[in-house]
Amino acid sequence: MLQSLFKPVTFLAIIILIAPTATYSQIISLDANNSFQTITAWEILNTIATDQDPNFDSYNAELADRLANLGINRIRLESHGGREAVEAVNDNNDPAVINWNAFDFTQFDASLEKTVLPFKTAVEASGNKFLINLCFVEIGSNADAFHKLPEEYAEFVLAHFIHMDSKYGFVPDYVEAALEPTIFSVFDNNPANLANAIIAAGDRLAAAGYFPSFIAASNENVRTAMSWFDSMIQVPRISEYWKEYSHHLYSGWSDQELQNIGSKTNQSGLQSSMLEWWLPANDYTVLHRELKFGNVSAWQQGSANNWTDPAFTGWSSQSLFYVDSTDPTNPQFVMSPRTKFYSMYYRFIRPGAVRIEASSDTGVLDPVAFINANGSYTVVVKANNANIFAVAGLPAGTYGIRYTTNSAYDVSHADKTISAGQTLSTSIPEAGVITIFGNGGTLQPAQNARIENVTP
């Protein structure tokens, strides 16, 4: 009797123990009615271990192709004073008249021809709009520097445009007015002086038929950069030419500081950008936070390649590729470990993409979402561990799904097709980045098999 009473209880317990547990999916929700910044540029630097390799000419065209196929579309071309007369002396005493004999563009042209021209060709072939950011380094960094005078600075900038236009047939789209002005003591460390120089240069360029967007203040310290922003934005007429507020991340930053940047630039109508942090601490998690909090429209990873440090340490950690050119007839390309993660953003968030609201119901996953100019959706999810989840709010269509982790690069899940109102479920096996992208489950036009065949 006692034995018969226990039988059903035991059976019930077995059922409870072996019954399958329902899989819980985190839910990521999209809201296209709440939009933020528009992406304009994924930028690289044209110098630092890029064109110094004696064998660089044997592979620069292929390097340019690889960069363009990753989605990179803007290059920072530096002018270290443009070498106006070898010493820091004026070309003449009249800023309205350019004395071309006082300028030496030899080094500037060599860099442009080695790095910018092949990259321009590759970007245009990829279907993206090629952009060039002319960045002035160490302008007005000594006590006698004539560039401190707004009209002389304007003449100096105009000379670069006329030279490039006449020799190469194109001019910069952007002018980064002065790199890290507090480091180089540009314009007596006075942000109002920099603003007035931008206005003078903008007026002079416009009179000559050139209309670039100016980038400033490019400070190395985020808090200092915000103080320069607060001063510069008060200068009358600055908004006519100043279109992109840039910062570097060497010190003074936090998520709150990035949110301040995002808020202030949005209120003022400026775009936001992060254009330098060449240290190993900079990785895809920083890019993710900049997109979410700093509302950046442009981002610079670092230089195109290095050829001296296959371990990617120090400054070279931010290089996109290492190139072994020991055999110039067969150069070997190695993608940086950081680039593998960054590429999950670059390749699918195209210039012209608008960020929209994306949220996770538990906060365990961290998504950013964009609508590309062609109407396709991209959702990039930063995951801190293995996860199964669903995305709600995607339009009907077929979606590709790819992920990158520390142990696997650019792994594809099977494409998924959803109808209107349906969620898309997927998973990532460990911490990393997973990207869901529309456009029929195919890569965006700039992509090709060369990048996809890079091994982890």
Protein backbone atom coordinates (compact mmCIF):
# COMPACT_ATOMS: atom_id res chain seq x y z
CA MET A 1 0.00 0.00 0.00
CA LEU A 2 2.73 2.41 1.03
CA GLN A 3 4.71 1.47 -2.05
CA SER A 4 1.79 2.16 -4.37
CA LEU A 5 1.28 5.62 -2.84
CA PHE A 6 4.86 6.63 -3.58
CA LYS A 7 4.84 5.54 -7.20
CA PRO A 8 2.97 8.51 -8.70
CA VAL A 9 4.97 10.96 -6.63
CA THR A 10 8.22 9.47 -7.85
CA PHE A 11 6.95 9.52 -11.44
CA LEU A 12 5.95 13.18 -11.11
CA ALA A 13 9.36 14.08 -9.73
CA ILE A 14 11.03 12.39 -12.70
CA ILE A 15 8.86 14.38 -15.07
CA ILE A 16 9.88 17.63 -13.35
CA LEU A 17 13.58 16.75 -13.49
CA ILE A 18 13.73 15.74 -17.12
CA ALA A 19 11.23 18.22 -18.61
CA PRO A 20 13.05 20.55 -20.98
CA THR A 21 13.50 24.11 -19.79
CA ALA A 22 12.20 26.79 -22.19
CA THR A 23 15.00 28.83 -23.81
CA TYR A 24 14.76 32.48 -22.84
CA SER A 25 15.62 35.01 -25.53
CA GLN A 26 16.68 38.51 -24.65
CA ILE A 27 14.66 40.97 -26.69
CA ILE A 28 16.28 43.87 -28.54
CA SER A 29 13.73 46.46 -29.62
CA LEU A 30 14.17 49.03 -32.39
CA ASP A 31 12.39 52.37 -32.68
CA ALA A 32 12.88 54.06 -36.06
CA ASN A 33 10.88 57.08 -34.87
CA ASN A 34 13.70 58.04 -32.51
CA SER A 35 16.80 58.88 -34.57
CA PHE A 36 20.23 60.31 -33.83
CA GLN A 37 23.41 61.01 -35.83
CA THR A 38 24.14 60.32 -39.47
CA ILE A 39 27.39 58.45 -40.20
CA THR A 40 29.67 60.35 -42.58
CA ALA A 41 33.11 58.72 -42.37
CA TRP A 42 35.26 55.86 -41.21
CA GLU A 43 38.68 57.54 -41.30
CA ILE A 44 42.31 56.44 -41.52
CA LEU A 45 45.56 58.34 -41.09
CA ASN A 46 47.87 58.63 -44.10
CA THR A 47 51.11 58.60 -42.11
CA ILE A 48 52.84 56.68 -39.29
CA ALA A 49 54.38 53.46 -40.65
CA THR A 50 52.28 53.61 -43.79
CA ASP A 51 54.44 54.87 -46.64
CA GLN A 52 57.83 54.50 -44.92
CA ASP A 53 58.24 50.87 -45.96
CA PRO A 54 60.78 50.81 -48.84
CA ASN A 55 58.54 48.22 -50.52
CA PHE A 56 55.32 50.21 -50.02
CA ASP A 57 54.84 50.85 -53.73
CA SER A 58 54.60 47.11 -54.38
CA TYR A 59 51.38 46.78 -52.41
CA ASN A 60 49.83 50.22 -51.87
CA ALA A 61 47.10 49.64 -54.49
CA GLU A 62 46.05 46.34 -52.90
CA LEU A 63 46.15 47.91 -49.44
CA ALA A 64 43.88 50.68 -50.70
CA ASP A 65 41.46 48.05 -52.06
CA ARG A 66 41.37 46.23 -48.74
CA LEU A 67 40.69 49.45 -46.85
CA ALA A 68 37.91 50.49 -49.22
CA ASN A 69 36.36 47.03 -49.06
CA LEU A 70 36.21 47.32 -45.28
CA GLY A 71 34.12 50.46 -45.73
CA ILE A 72 36.82 53.05 -44.89
CA ASN A 73 36.05 56.20 -46.91
CA ARG A 74 37.96 59.17 -45.45
CA ILE A 75 41.69 59.80 -45.13
CA ARG A 76 43.47 62.33 -42.96
CA LEU A 77 46.18 64.03 -44.99
CA GLU A 78 48.52 65.93 -42.72
CA SER A 79 50.34 69.13 -43.55
CA HIS A 80 53.12 69.93 -41.13
CA GLY A 81 53.17 73.59 -41.94
CA GLY A 82 53.08 72.88 -45.66
CA ARG A 83 56.82 73.67 -45.47
CA GLU A 84 56.19 77.33 -46.29
CA ALA A 85 59.80 78.50 -46.57
CA VAL A 86 61.89 75.99 -44.63
CA GLU A 87 61.88 78.23 -41.54
CA ALA A 88 58.68 79.54 -39.95
CA VAL A 89 58.80 82.85 -41.77
CA ASN A 90 56.12 84.55 -43.79
CA ASP A 91 55.96 84.31 -47.56
CA ASN A 92 55.57 88.10 -47.70
CA ASN A 93 53.94 90.90 -45.77
CA ASP A 94 50.67 90.79 -47.67
CA PRO A 95 48.25 87.95 -46.78
CA ALA A 96 46.21 88.81 -49.89
CA VAL A 97 49.09 87.85 -52.21
CA ILE A 98 50.59 84.34 -52.23
CA ASN A 99 54.32 84.13 -52.94
CA TRP A 100 54.54 80.61 -54.34
CA ASN A 101 58.33 80.60 -54.24
CA ALA A 102 58.09 80.47 -50.45
CA PHE A 103 56.19 77.16 -50.45
CA ASP A 104 57.70 73.71 -50.73
CA PHE A 105 55.07 71.00 -51.14
CA THR A 106 57.52 68.21 -51.98
CA GLN A 107 56.88 66.10 -48.89
CA PHE A 108 53.17 66.89 -48.92
CA ASP A 109 52.84 65.80 -52.56
CA ALA A 110 54.85 62.61 -52.04
CA SER A 111 52.54 61.53 -49.24
CA LEU A 112 49.46 62.45 -51.23
CA GLU A 113 50.59 60.51 -54.29
CA LYS A 114 51.62 57.40 -52.36
CA THR A 115 48.61 57.08 -50.09
CA VAL A 116 45.75 59.39 -51.04
CA LEU A 117 45.51 58.80 -54.79
CA PRO A 118 45.38 54.95 -54.63
CA PHE A 119 42.88 55.17 -51.79
CA LYS A 120 40.73 57.64 -53.72
CA THR A 121 40.60 55.26 -56.68
CA ALA A 122 39.69 52.29 -54.46
CA VAL A 123 36.96 54.09 -52.51
CA GLU A 124 35.29 55.40 -55.63
CA ALA A 125 35.42 51.93 -57.19
CA SER A 126 33.73 50.51 -54.07
CA GLY A 127 30.72 52.76 -54.56
CA ASN A 128 31.40 55.03 -51.59
CA LYS A 129 32.08 58.74 -51.77
CA PHE A 130 35.77 59.43 -51.19
CA LEU A 131 36.48 62.09 -48.54
CA ILE A 132 39.72 63.81 -47.62
CA ASN A 133 40.43 65.59 -44.36
CA LEU A 134 43.31 68.08 -44.66
CA CYS A 135 44.75 68.30 -41.16
CA PHE A 136 47.18 71.05 -40.11
CA VAL A 137 49.80 70.01 -37.55
CA GLU A 138 51.91 72.38 -35.46
CA ILE A 139 50.45 75.47 -37.10
CA GLY A 140 51.39 78.53 -35.08
CA SER A 141 53.31 76.54 -32.48
CA ASN A 142 56.12 79.01 -31.85
CA ALA A 143 56.25 82.58 -30.58
CA ASP A 144 56.88 84.14 -33.99
CA ALA A 145 54.46 82.00 -36.01
CA PHE A 146 52.73 84.16 -38.58
CA HIS A 147 49.88 81.64 -38.82
CA LYS A 148 48.49 83.07 -35.59
CA LEU A 149 47.17 85.98 -37.63
CA PRO A 150 43.76 84.99 -39.04
CA GLU A 151 44.40 86.42 -42.51
CA GLU A 152 47.82 84.77 -42.75
CA TYR A 153 46.33 81.46 -41.66
CA ALA A 154 43.63 81.90 -44.30
CA GLU A 155 46.28 82.49 -46.98
CA PHE A 156 48.14 79.40 -45.83
CA VAL A 157 45.05 77.18 -46.08
CA LEU A 158 44.06 78.64 -49.45
CA ALA A 159 47.53 77.89 -50.85
CA HIS A 160 46.99 74.19 -50.16
CA PHE A 161 43.65 74.21 -51.95
CA ILE A 162 44.96 76.03 -55.00
CA HIS A 163 48.00 73.73 -55.16
CA MET A 164 45.93 70.53 -54.89
CA ASP A 165 43.30 71.76 -57.34
CA SER A 166 45.80 72.80 -59.99
CA LYS A 167 48.03 69.72 -59.68
CA TYR A 168 45.57 66.92 -58.85
CA GLY A 169 42.15 68.21 -59.83
CA PHE A 170 40.45 67.81 -56.45
CA VAL A 171 40.47 69.55 -53.07
CA PRO A 172 39.78 68.52 -49.47
CA ASP A 173 36.23 67.99 -48.27
CA TYR A 174 37.23 68.83 -44.70
CA VAL A 175 39.85 71.00 -43.03
CA GLU A 176 40.92 69.92 -39.54
CA ALA A 177 41.97 73.40 -38.50
CA ALA A 178 44.69 72.58 -35.96
CA LEU A 179 45.71 69.26 -34.47
CA GLU A 180 45.69 69.16 -30.64
CA PRO A 181 45.95 72.94 -30.20
CA THR A 182 46.79 72.81 -26.50
CA ILE A 183 49.69 70.40 -27.11
CA PHE A 184 51.16 72.59 -29.85
CA SER A 185 50.14 75.91 -28.22
CA VAL A 186 48.24 76.88 -31.33
CA PHE A 187 46.86 80.42 -31.45
CA ASP A 188 48.14 81.13 -27.92
CA ASN A 189 45.88 78.40 -26.52
CA ASN A 190 42.93 80.66 -27.16
CA PRO A 191 39.87 78.92 -28.67
CA ALA A 192 38.40 82.23 -29.83
CA ASN A 193 41.55 82.88 -31.86
CA LEU A 194 41.15 79.49 -33.54
CA ALA A 195 37.50 80.26 -34.29
CA ASN A 196 38.43 83.59 -35.88
CA ALA A 197 41.12 81.88 -37.97
CA ILE A 198 38.53 79.36 -39.23
CA ILE A 199 36.18 82.19 -40.19
CA ALA A 200 38.95 84.03 -42.04
CA ALA A 201 39.97 80.86 -43.87
CA GLY A 202 36.37 79.99 -44.67
CA ASP A 203 35.77 83.44 -46.15
CA ARG A 204 38.97 83.30 -48.21
CA LEU A 205 38.22 79.81 -49.52
CA ALA A 206 34.62 80.69 -50.37
CA ALA A 207 35.76 83.72 -52.32
CA ALA A 208 37.95 81.37 -54.38
CA GLY A 209 35.10 78.91 -54.92
CA TYR A 210 36.05 76.31 -52.27
CA PHE A 211 33.57 75.22 -49.59
CA PRO A 212 35.03 72.63 -47.21
CA SER A 213 33.64 71.81 -43.78
CA PHE A 214 35.95 72.73 -40.91
CA ILE A 215 36.79 70.32 -38.09
CA ALA A 216 37.83 71.52 -34.61
CA ALA A 217 38.99 71.51 -31.86
CA SER A 218 40.76 68.10 -31.90
CA ASN A 219 42.00 68.38 -28.32
CA GLU A 220 43.74 65.40 -26.75
CA ASN A 221 41.77 65.85 -23.49
CA VAL A 222 37.99 65.44 -23.72
CA ARG A 223 37.22 67.90 -20.94
CA THR A 224 39.54 70.50 -22.48
CA ALA A 225 37.90 69.90 -25.84
CA MET A 226 34.49 70.68 -24.34
CA SER A 227 35.77 73.94 -22.87
CA TRP A 228 37.09 74.89 -26.31
CA PHE A 229 33.72 73.98 -27.75
CA ASP A 230 31.93 76.25 -25.27
CA SER A 231 34.19 79.18 -26.20
CA MET A 232 34.29 78.66 -29.95
CA ILE A 233 30.54 78.26 -30.38
CA GLN A 234 30.07 81.78 -28.97
CA VAL A 235 32.13 83.43 -31.72
CA PRO A 236 29.82 85.11 -34.26
CA ARG A 237 29.65 83.44 -37.68
CA ILE A 238 31.62 80.34 -36.62
CA SER A 239 28.69 78.07 -37.50
CA GLU A 240 29.02 79.11 -41.16
CA TYR A 241 32.16 77.00 -41.49
CA TRP A 242 32.58 74.85 -38.38
CA LYS A 243 30.59 71.68 -39.10
CA GLU A 244 32.35 68.88 -37.20
CA TYR A 245 33.39 68.93 -33.55
CA SER A 246 36.27 66.51 -32.99
CA HIS A 247 37.92 65.16 -29.88
CA HIS A 248 40.70 62.71 -29.01
CA LEU A 249 40.60 60.25 -26.12
CA TYR A 250 44.03 60.42 -24.53
CA SER A 251 42.61 61.71 -21.24
CA GLY A 252 39.61 63.16 -19.45
CA TRP A 253 36.85 61.01 -20.83
CA SER A 254 33.98 59.00 -19.42
CA ASP A 255 30.55 57.98 -20.62
CA GLN A 256 29.19 61.15 -19.02
CA GLU A 257 31.69 63.30 -20.92
CA LEU A 258 30.74 61.53 -24.14
CA GLN A 259 27.08 62.19 -23.40
CA ASN A 260 27.91 65.88 -22.92
CA ILE A 261 29.52 65.87 -26.35
CA GLY A 262 26.53 64.17 -27.93
CA SER A 263 24.09 66.57 -26.29
CA LYS A 264 25.97 69.80 -27.05
CA THR A 265 26.80 68.97 -30.64
CA ASN A 266 23.21 67.93 -31.28
CA GLN A 267 21.90 71.21 -29.84
CA SER A 268 24.34 73.27 -31.89
CA GLY A 269 23.79 71.41 -35.16
CA LEU A 270 27.41 70.18 -35.38
CA GLN A 271 28.43 66.65 -36.17
CA SER A 272 30.61 64.84 -33.65
CA SER A 273 33.76 62.81 -34.29
CA MET A 274 36.56 60.94 -32.50
CA LEU A 275 39.66 61.27 -34.64
CA GLU A 276 42.60 59.94 -32.62
CA TRP A 277 43.53 57.51 -29.86
CA TRP A 278 46.49 55.40 -30.95
CA LEU A 279 46.80 53.21 -27.87
CA PRO A 280 46.08 49.53 -27.16
CA ALA A 281 43.20 50.47 -24.82
CA ASN A 282 41.17 51.62 -27.82
CA ASP A 283 39.02 48.76 -29.08
CA TYR A 284 35.55 48.10 -30.48
CA THR A 285 33.93 48.65 -27.07
CA VAL A 286 35.14 52.26 -27.21
CA LEU A 287 33.74 52.72 -30.71
CA HIS A 288 30.44 51.28 -29.50
CA ARG A 289 30.26 53.78 -26.62
CA GLU A 290 31.18 56.67 -28.90
CA LEU A 291 28.36 55.75 -31.27
CA LYS A 292 25.85 55.52 -28.41
CA PHE A 293 26.93 58.33 -26.11
CA GLY A 294 29.08 60.69 -28.16
CA ASN A 295 26.79 60.45 -31.22
CA VAL A 296 29.90 60.36 -33.42
CA SER A 297 29.38 60.66 -37.15
CA ALA A 298 33.05 60.01 -37.93
CA TRP A 299 35.65 57.76 -36.32
CA GLN A 300 39.36 57.21 -36.92
CA GLN A 301 40.95 53.88 -36.02
CA GLY A 302 44.55 54.76 -36.87
CA SER A 303 47.00 54.28 -39.73
CA ALA A 304 46.37 52.07 -42.73
CA ASN A 305 49.14 49.60 -41.96
CA ASN A 306 52.38 48.88 -40.18
CA TRP A 307 55.27 46.78 -41.45
CA THR A 308 57.51 46.62 -38.36
CA ASP A 309 55.27 45.17 -35.64
CA PRO A 310 53.31 41.99 -36.44
CA ALA A 311 52.29 41.80 -32.77
CA PHE A 312 50.27 45.04 -33.05
CA THR A 313 51.54 46.75 -29.91
CA GLY A 314 51.84 50.43 -29.02
CA TRP A 315 50.79 52.81 -31.78
CA SER A 316 50.68 50.00 -34.31
CA SER A 317 47.90 48.34 -32.31
CA GLN A 318 45.55 50.74 -34.08
CA SER A 319 46.84 49.96 -37.58
CA LEU A 320 44.28 48.21 -39.74
CA PHE A 321 46.78 45.79 -41.28
CA TYR A 322 50.29 44.47 -40.87
CA VAL A 323 52.02 43.90 -44.21
CA ASP A 324 54.98 41.58 -44.55
CA SER A 325 56.70 42.88 -47.67
CA THR A 326 59.86 40.79 -47.36
CA ASP A 327 59.00 39.43 -50.78
CA PRO A 328 57.78 42.51 -52.69
CA THR A 329 56.27 40.30 -55.39
CA ASN A 330 54.04 38.55 -52.86
CA PRO A 331 53.23 40.82 -49.88
CA GLN A 332 51.34 39.16 -47.03
CA PHE A 333 48.46 41.01 -45.37
CA VAL A 334 47.46 40.32 -41.78
CA MET A 335 44.37 42.01 -40.41
CA SER A 336 44.77 43.55 -36.97
CA PRO A 337 42.88 41.71 -34.21
CA ARG A 338 41.14 45.00 -33.45
CA THR A 339 40.17 45.53 -37.08
CA LYS A 340 38.36 42.19 -37.09
CA PHE A 341 35.99 43.54 -34.45
CA TYR A 342 35.80 47.08 -35.88
CA SER A 343 34.93 45.60 -39.28
CA MET A 344 31.63 44.34 -37.88
CA TYR A 345 30.67 48.02 -37.75
CA TYR A 346 32.53 49.47 -40.77
CA ARG A 347 31.28 47.01 -43.36
CA PHE A 348 27.60 47.21 -42.50
CA ILE A 349 27.07 50.76 -41.20
CA ARG A 350 27.56 52.70 -44.40
CA PRO A 351 28.16 56.44 -44.83
CA GLY A 352 24.74 58.05 -44.82
CA ALA A 353 23.36 55.59 -42.23
CA VAL A 354 21.17 57.11 -39.50
CA ARG A 355 21.30 55.69 -36.00
CA ILE A 356 17.94 54.80 -34.46
CA GLU A 357 16.93 53.82 -30.95
CA ALA A 358 17.87 50.27 -29.93
CA SER A 359 17.37 48.85 -26.46
CA SER A 360 17.66 45.51 -24.67
CA ASP A 361 14.95 44.41 -22.27
CA THR A 362 17.46 43.18 -19.68
CA GLY A 363 20.52 45.32 -20.44
CA VAL A 364 22.69 42.22 -20.80
CA LEU A 365 23.18 42.87 -24.51
CA ASP A 366 24.26 46.26 -25.85
CA PRO A 367 22.88 47.09 -29.32
CA VAL A 368 23.26 49.96 -31.78
CA ALA A 369 21.03 50.12 -34.85
CA PHE A 370 21.12 52.05 -38.11
CA ILE A 371 19.09 52.58 -41.24
CA ASN A 372 21.42 52.83 -44.23
CA ALA A 373 20.84 55.28 -47.06
CA ASN A 374 19.42 52.45 -49.20
CA GLY A 375 16.81 51.70 -46.50
CA SER A 376 18.44 48.52 -45.21
CA TYR A 377 18.71 47.99 -41.46
CA THR A 378 21.87 47.10 -39.54
CA VAL A 379 21.93 46.04 -35.89
CA VAL A 380 25.30 45.58 -34.18
CA VAL A 381 25.17 43.88 -30.79
CA LYS A 382 27.99 43.87 -28.26
CA ALA A 383 27.67 40.73 -26.15
CA ASN A 384 29.62 40.07 -22.97
CA ASN A 385 28.94 36.33 -23.08
CA ALA A 386 27.20 33.61 -25.06
CA ASN A 387 23.61 34.56 -25.76
CA ILE A 388 20.42 33.67 -27.58
CA PHE A 389 18.25 36.66 -28.38
CA ALA A 390 15.64 38.13 -30.70
CA VAL A 391 15.37 41.47 -32.48
CA ALA A 392 11.97 43.17 -32.73
CA GLY A 393 11.19 46.09 -35.00
CA LEU A 394 12.99 45.00 -38.17
CA PRO A 395 11.05 45.42 -41.42
CA ALA A 396 10.11 42.35 -43.44
CA GLY A 397 12.97 40.96 -45.48
CA THR A 398 15.96 38.66 -45.57
CA TYR A 399 18.85 39.30 -43.19
CA GLY A 400 22.43 38.17 -43.04
CA ILE A 401 23.98 37.44 -39.65
CA ARG A 402 27.70 37.42 -38.87
CA TYR A 403 29.71 37.42 -35.67
CA THR A 404 33.29 37.86 -34.50
CA THR A 405 34.74 36.68 -31.20
CA ASN A 406 38.25 36.23 -29.86
CA SER A 407 38.33 32.74 -31.36
CA ALA A 408 36.46 33.24 -34.64
CA TYR A 409 36.33 35.99 -37.26
CA ASP A 410 33.35 36.84 -39.47
CA VAL A 411 31.39 33.61 -38.98
CA SER A 412 28.08 33.45 -40.87
CA HIS A 413 24.78 32.12 -39.59
CA ALA A 414 22.24 31.09 -42.20
CA ASP A 415 20.26 34.01 -43.64
CA LYS A 416 16.86 34.55 -42.04
CA THR A 417 13.72 35.85 -43.70
CA ILE A 418 11.03 37.49 -41.56
CA SER A 419 7.61 38.88 -42.33
CA ALA A 420 6.17 42.18 -41.10
CA GLY A 421 5.92 42.26 -37.31
CA GLN A 422 7.99 39.10 -36.84
CA THR A 423 11.07 38.99 -34.62
CA LEU A 424 14.43 37.67 -35.79
CA SER A 425 16.13 35.25 -33.42
CA THR A 426 19.83 34.45 -33.44
CA SER A 427 22.75 33.68 -31.15
CA ILE A 428 26.43 34.27 -30.44
CA PRO A 429 28.53 31.46 -28.85
CA GLU A 430 30.75 33.67 -26.66
CA ALA A 431 31.59 37.31 -25.95
CA GLY A 432 32.04 39.40 -29.06
CA VAL A 433 30.12 41.31 -31.71
CA ILE A 434 27.25 40.06 -33.83
CA THR A 435 25.81 42.01 -36.76
CA ILE A 436 22.38 41.57 -38.33
CA PHE A 437 22.09 43.29 -41.70
CA GLY A 438 19.43 43.65 -44.35
CA ASN A 439 19.68 44.08 -48.12
CA GLY A 440 18.67 40.53 -48.98
CA GLY A 441 21.13 38.92 -46.59
CA THR A 442 24.07 40.03 -48.75
CA LEU A 443 26.98 42.27 -47.88
CA GLN A 444 26.83 45.92 -48.84
CA PRO A 445 28.21 46.80 -52.30
CA ALA A 446 31.68 47.74 -51.06
CA GLN A 447 32.46 44.23 -49.87
CA ASN A 448 34.22 41.42 -51.72
CA ALA A 449 35.65 37.96 -51.07
CA ARG A 450 39.16 39.22 -50.36
CA ILE A 451 38.22 40.52 -46.92
CA GLU A 452 35.93 37.60 -46.16
CA ASN A 453 38.75 35.12 -46.70
CA VAL A 454 41.00 36.57 -44.01
CA THR A 455 41.53 33.89 -41.39
CA PRO A 456 41.26 34.59 -37.64
